[in-house]
N, C-alpha and C. Protein backbone atom coordinates (compact mmCIF):
# COMPACT_ATOMS: atom_id res chain seq x y z
N UNK A 1 181.25 154.90 238.88
CA UNK A 1 180.76 155.58 240.06
C UNK A 1 181.83 156.52 240.65
N UNK A 2 183.04 156.04 240.81
CA UNK A 2 184.10 156.88 241.36
C UNK A 2 184.37 158.04 240.43
N UNK A 3 184.43 157.78 239.14
CA UNK A 3 184.69 158.84 238.17
C UNK A 3 183.59 159.91 238.21
N UNK A 4 182.34 159.48 238.36
CA UNK A 4 181.22 160.42 238.45
C UNK A 4 181.36 161.31 239.69
N UNK A 5 181.73 160.70 240.81
CA UNK A 5 181.88 161.46 242.04
C UNK A 5 183.04 162.45 241.92
N UNK A 6 184.15 162.01 241.33
CA UNK A 6 185.28 162.92 241.12
C UNK A 6 184.87 164.10 240.24
N UNK A 7 184.10 163.83 239.20
CA UNK A 7 183.66 164.90 238.30
C UNK A 7 182.74 165.89 239.02
N UNK A 8 181.80 165.38 239.83
CA UNK A 8 180.92 166.27 240.59
C UNK A 8 181.72 167.14 241.56
N UNK A 9 182.68 166.52 242.23
CA UNK A 9 183.51 167.26 243.17
C UNK A 9 184.34 168.31 242.44
N UNK A 10 184.89 167.95 241.29
CA UNK A 10 185.66 168.90 240.48
C UNK A 10 184.77 170.09 240.09
N UNK A 11 183.54 169.81 239.65
CA UNK A 11 182.62 170.88 239.26
C UNK A 11 182.29 171.79 240.43
N UNK A 12 182.06 171.20 241.60
CA UNK A 12 181.73 172.00 242.78
C UNK A 12 182.90 172.92 243.15
N UNK A 13 184.11 172.39 243.08
CA UNK A 13 185.28 173.19 243.42
C UNK A 13 185.50 174.30 242.40
N UNK A 14 185.32 173.99 241.13
CA UNK A 14 185.50 174.99 240.09
C UNK A 14 184.50 176.13 240.22
N UNK A 15 183.29 175.81 240.67
CA UNK A 15 182.23 176.81 240.73
C UNK A 15 182.05 177.44 242.10
N UNK A 16 182.89 177.08 243.05
CA UNK A 16 182.75 177.61 244.40
C UNK A 16 183.18 179.06 244.45
N UNK A 17 182.30 179.89 244.96
CA UNK A 17 182.65 181.28 245.19
C UNK A 17 183.40 181.48 246.49
N UNK A 18 183.51 180.43 247.27
CA UNK A 18 184.16 180.51 248.58
C UNK A 18 185.66 180.27 248.53
N UNK A 19 186.16 179.85 247.39
CA UNK A 19 187.59 179.56 247.26
C UNK A 19 188.29 180.66 246.49
N UNK A 20 189.48 181.03 246.95
CA UNK A 20 190.28 181.95 246.14
C UNK A 20 190.96 181.13 245.04
N UNK A 21 191.58 181.82 244.11
CA UNK A 21 192.17 181.12 242.96
C UNK A 21 193.25 180.13 243.36
N UNK A 22 194.06 180.48 244.35
CA UNK A 22 195.14 179.58 244.78
C UNK A 22 194.58 178.29 245.37
N UNK A 23 193.56 178.41 246.23
CA UNK A 23 192.95 177.21 246.82
C UNK A 23 192.25 176.38 245.76
N UNK A 24 191.57 177.04 244.83
CA UNK A 24 190.87 176.31 243.76
C UNK A 24 191.87 175.53 242.91
N UNK A 25 192.95 176.20 242.54
CA UNK A 25 193.98 175.53 241.73
C UNK A 25 194.57 174.35 242.49
N UNK A 26 194.88 174.54 243.76
CA UNK A 26 195.46 173.45 244.57
C UNK A 26 194.48 172.29 244.71
N UNK A 27 193.21 172.61 244.96
CA UNK A 27 192.19 171.55 245.11
C UNK A 27 192.04 170.75 243.82
N UNK A 28 192.05 171.43 242.70
CA UNK A 28 191.91 170.73 241.42
C UNK A 28 193.15 169.88 241.12
N UNK A 29 194.32 170.36 241.50
CA UNK A 29 195.54 169.56 241.35
C UNK A 29 195.46 168.31 242.23
N UNK A 30 194.97 168.49 243.45
CA UNK A 30 194.83 167.35 244.36
C UNK A 30 193.84 166.33 243.80
N UNK A 31 192.77 166.80 243.19
CA UNK A 31 191.81 165.86 242.59
C UNK A 31 192.45 165.04 241.49
N UNK A 32 193.30 165.67 240.70
CA UNK A 32 194.00 164.93 239.63
C UNK A 32 194.95 163.89 240.24
N UNK A 33 195.64 164.26 241.31
CA UNK A 33 196.51 163.31 241.99
C UNK A 33 195.70 162.15 242.56
N UNK A 34 194.55 162.48 243.15
CA UNK A 34 193.68 161.46 243.72
C UNK A 34 193.16 160.54 242.63
N UNK A 35 192.78 161.10 241.51
CA UNK A 35 192.28 160.29 240.39
C UNK A 35 193.35 159.30 239.94
N UNK A 36 194.59 159.76 239.83
CA UNK A 36 195.68 158.87 239.43
C UNK A 36 195.93 157.79 240.48
N UNK A 37 195.88 158.18 241.74
CA UNK A 37 196.13 157.22 242.82
C UNK A 37 195.05 156.16 242.90
N UNK A 38 193.80 156.55 242.83
CA UNK A 38 192.73 155.56 242.98
C UNK A 38 192.49 154.77 241.70
N UNK A 39 193.08 155.23 240.61
CA UNK A 39 192.97 154.47 239.36
C UNK A 39 193.59 153.09 239.48
N UNK A 40 194.53 152.95 240.40
CA UNK A 40 195.19 151.66 240.58
C UNK A 40 194.51 150.80 241.66
N UNK A 41 193.51 151.36 242.32
CA UNK A 41 192.82 150.63 243.38
C UNK A 41 191.59 149.92 242.82
N UNK A 42 191.19 148.83 243.45
CA UNK A 42 189.97 148.16 242.99
C UNK A 42 188.75 149.05 243.20
N UNK A 43 187.93 149.20 242.18
CA UNK A 43 186.76 150.06 242.28
C UNK A 43 185.79 149.54 243.33
N UNK A 44 185.90 148.27 243.65
CA UNK A 44 185.00 147.69 244.64
C UNK A 44 185.36 148.07 246.07
N UNK A 45 186.48 148.76 246.26
CA UNK A 45 186.90 149.14 247.61
C UNK A 45 185.91 150.17 248.15
N UNK A 46 185.08 149.73 249.07
CA UNK A 46 184.03 150.58 249.61
C UNK A 46 184.58 151.78 250.40
N UNK A 47 185.77 151.65 250.95
CA UNK A 47 186.34 152.77 251.71
C UNK A 47 186.62 153.95 250.80
N UNK A 48 187.12 153.67 249.60
CA UNK A 48 187.40 154.75 248.64
C UNK A 48 186.09 155.40 248.22
N UNK A 49 185.12 154.59 247.85
CA UNK A 49 183.83 155.13 247.42
C UNK A 49 183.18 155.95 248.52
N UNK A 50 183.22 155.46 249.75
CA UNK A 50 182.62 156.15 250.87
C UNK A 50 183.29 157.50 251.12
N UNK A 51 184.60 157.52 251.11
CA UNK A 51 185.33 158.77 251.35
C UNK A 51 185.04 159.79 250.26
N UNK A 52 185.03 159.36 249.02
CA UNK A 52 184.73 160.29 247.92
C UNK A 52 183.30 160.82 248.01
N UNK A 53 182.38 159.95 248.36
CA UNK A 53 180.98 160.37 248.49
C UNK A 53 180.86 161.42 249.60
N UNK A 54 181.54 161.22 250.71
CA UNK A 54 181.48 162.18 251.81
C UNK A 54 182.14 163.50 251.43
N UNK A 55 183.23 163.45 250.68
CA UNK A 55 183.87 164.69 250.21
C UNK A 55 182.93 165.45 249.29
N UNK A 56 182.23 164.72 248.44
CA UNK A 56 181.26 165.34 247.53
C UNK A 56 180.14 166.00 248.32
N UNK A 57 179.66 165.34 249.36
CA UNK A 57 178.60 165.92 250.20
C UNK A 57 179.07 167.19 250.91
N UNK A 58 180.29 167.17 251.41
CA UNK A 58 180.83 168.34 252.09
C UNK A 58 180.92 169.52 251.14
N UNK A 59 181.28 169.26 249.90
CA UNK A 59 181.45 170.34 248.92
C UNK A 59 180.13 170.83 248.34
N UNK A 60 179.05 170.11 248.57
CA UNK A 60 177.75 170.48 248.01
C UNK A 60 177.14 171.63 248.81
N UNK A 61 176.99 172.81 248.20
CA UNK A 61 176.46 173.96 248.93
C UNK A 61 175.00 173.79 249.35
N UNK A 62 174.30 172.86 248.74
CA UNK A 62 172.89 172.65 249.08
C UNK A 62 172.70 171.72 250.28
N UNK A 63 173.76 171.05 250.68
CA UNK A 63 173.69 170.14 251.83
C UNK A 63 174.21 170.86 253.06
N UNK A 64 173.33 171.03 254.04
CA UNK A 64 173.73 171.68 255.28
C UNK A 64 173.79 170.62 256.37
N UNK A 65 174.93 170.00 256.49
CA UNK A 65 175.11 168.93 257.47
C UNK A 65 176.34 169.27 258.29
N UNK A 66 176.12 169.70 259.52
CA UNK A 66 177.23 170.10 260.37
C UNK A 66 178.18 168.95 260.68
N UNK A 67 177.70 167.73 260.60
CA UNK A 67 178.53 166.58 260.89
C UNK A 67 179.26 166.04 259.66
N UNK A 68 179.05 166.65 258.50
CA UNK A 68 179.61 166.12 257.26
C UNK A 68 181.13 166.13 257.25
N UNK A 69 181.75 167.20 257.72
CA UNK A 69 183.21 167.26 257.70
C UNK A 69 183.78 166.23 258.68
N UNK A 70 183.11 166.02 259.82
CA UNK A 70 183.55 165.00 260.77
C UNK A 70 183.43 163.60 260.18
N UNK A 71 182.34 163.36 259.43
CA UNK A 71 182.16 162.07 258.78
C UNK A 71 183.23 161.85 257.72
N UNK A 72 183.59 162.91 257.01
CA UNK A 72 184.65 162.80 256.01
C UNK A 72 185.98 162.48 256.69
N UNK A 73 186.27 163.14 257.78
CA UNK A 73 187.52 162.88 258.49
C UNK A 73 187.58 161.44 259.00
N UNK A 74 186.47 160.92 259.51
CA UNK A 74 186.42 159.52 259.96
C UNK A 74 186.66 158.57 258.80
N UNK A 75 186.06 158.89 257.67
CA UNK A 75 186.21 158.05 256.48
C UNK A 75 187.67 158.03 256.01
N UNK A 76 188.32 159.18 256.10
CA UNK A 76 189.73 159.27 255.72
C UNK A 76 190.59 158.41 256.65
N UNK A 77 190.29 158.44 257.94
CA UNK A 77 191.03 157.62 258.89
C UNK A 77 190.86 156.13 258.59
N UNK A 78 189.65 155.72 258.23
CA UNK A 78 189.42 154.31 257.89
C UNK A 78 190.20 153.92 256.63
N UNK A 79 190.32 154.84 255.72
CA UNK A 79 191.01 154.59 254.45
C UNK A 79 192.53 154.55 254.64
N UNK A 80 193.01 155.26 255.64
CA UNK A 80 194.45 155.47 255.81
C UNK A 80 195.28 154.19 255.89
N UNK A 81 194.83 153.20 256.63
CA UNK A 81 195.61 151.98 256.80
C UNK A 81 195.79 151.23 255.48
N UNK A 82 194.73 151.17 254.70
CA UNK A 82 194.79 150.41 253.45
C UNK A 82 195.39 151.21 252.29
N UNK A 83 195.14 152.50 252.27
CA UNK A 83 195.56 153.34 251.14
C UNK A 83 196.10 154.68 251.65
N UNK A 84 197.30 154.67 252.23
CA UNK A 84 197.80 155.89 252.88
C UNK A 84 197.97 157.08 251.95
N UNK A 85 198.39 156.85 250.72
CA UNK A 85 198.59 157.99 249.82
C UNK A 85 197.24 158.62 249.45
N UNK A 86 196.26 157.80 249.13
CA UNK A 86 194.93 158.31 248.78
C UNK A 86 194.33 159.05 249.97
N UNK A 87 194.50 158.52 251.17
CA UNK A 87 193.93 159.19 252.34
C UNK A 87 194.63 160.52 252.61
N UNK A 88 195.92 160.59 252.35
CA UNK A 88 196.65 161.85 252.51
C UNK A 88 196.15 162.92 251.56
N UNK A 89 195.90 162.53 250.32
CA UNK A 89 195.37 163.48 249.34
C UNK A 89 193.97 163.92 249.75
N UNK A 90 193.14 162.97 250.17
CA UNK A 90 191.79 163.32 250.61
C UNK A 90 191.83 164.23 251.84
N UNK A 91 192.78 164.02 252.71
CA UNK A 91 192.92 164.87 253.89
C UNK A 91 193.23 166.30 253.47
N UNK A 92 194.10 166.46 252.48
CA UNK A 92 194.42 167.80 251.96
C UNK A 92 193.19 168.44 251.34
N UNK A 93 192.41 167.66 250.61
CA UNK A 93 191.18 168.17 250.00
C UNK A 93 190.20 168.58 251.10
N UNK A 94 190.08 167.78 252.15
CA UNK A 94 189.19 168.10 253.27
C UNK A 94 189.59 169.42 253.92
N UNK A 95 190.88 169.66 254.02
CA UNK A 95 191.37 170.92 254.59
C UNK A 95 190.89 172.10 253.75
N UNK A 96 191.02 171.96 252.43
CA UNK A 96 190.57 173.04 251.53
C UNK A 96 189.06 173.20 251.62
N UNK A 97 188.33 172.10 251.69
CA UNK A 97 186.88 172.20 251.84
C UNK A 97 186.53 172.94 253.12
N UNK A 98 187.29 172.70 254.17
CA UNK A 98 187.07 173.41 255.43
C UNK A 98 187.27 174.90 255.27
N UNK A 99 188.19 175.27 254.41
CA UNK A 99 188.44 176.69 254.16
C UNK A 99 187.32 177.32 253.34
N UNK A 100 186.48 176.48 252.74
CA UNK A 100 185.33 177.00 252.00
C UNK A 100 184.26 177.51 252.96
N UNK A 101 184.48 177.33 254.25
CA UNK A 101 183.52 177.78 255.23
C UNK A 101 182.56 176.71 255.67
N UNK A 102 182.91 175.48 255.41
CA UNK A 102 182.03 174.35 255.76
C UNK A 102 182.33 173.90 257.16
């Protein structure tokens, strides 16, 4: 499930017309860092799954949810105490998603 969400998010970022090449490259690098970081976490950790799902929703151009970025930020805060490195990477990804005009 986590791998599927990471792949969808990677595809959305690669195909986004809203990102310049530098932001796209940085976002994809961050996804690789996130993949490595969460590879050591239990897949059953609902906070990780929830945060990734919300990031995927924010990046989906077909979803028009004005509260999505706020929900992602809340999810990152919940993740921060248990997994600070993963939440930091997700926070950087959220920043780039915000630059996509979301």
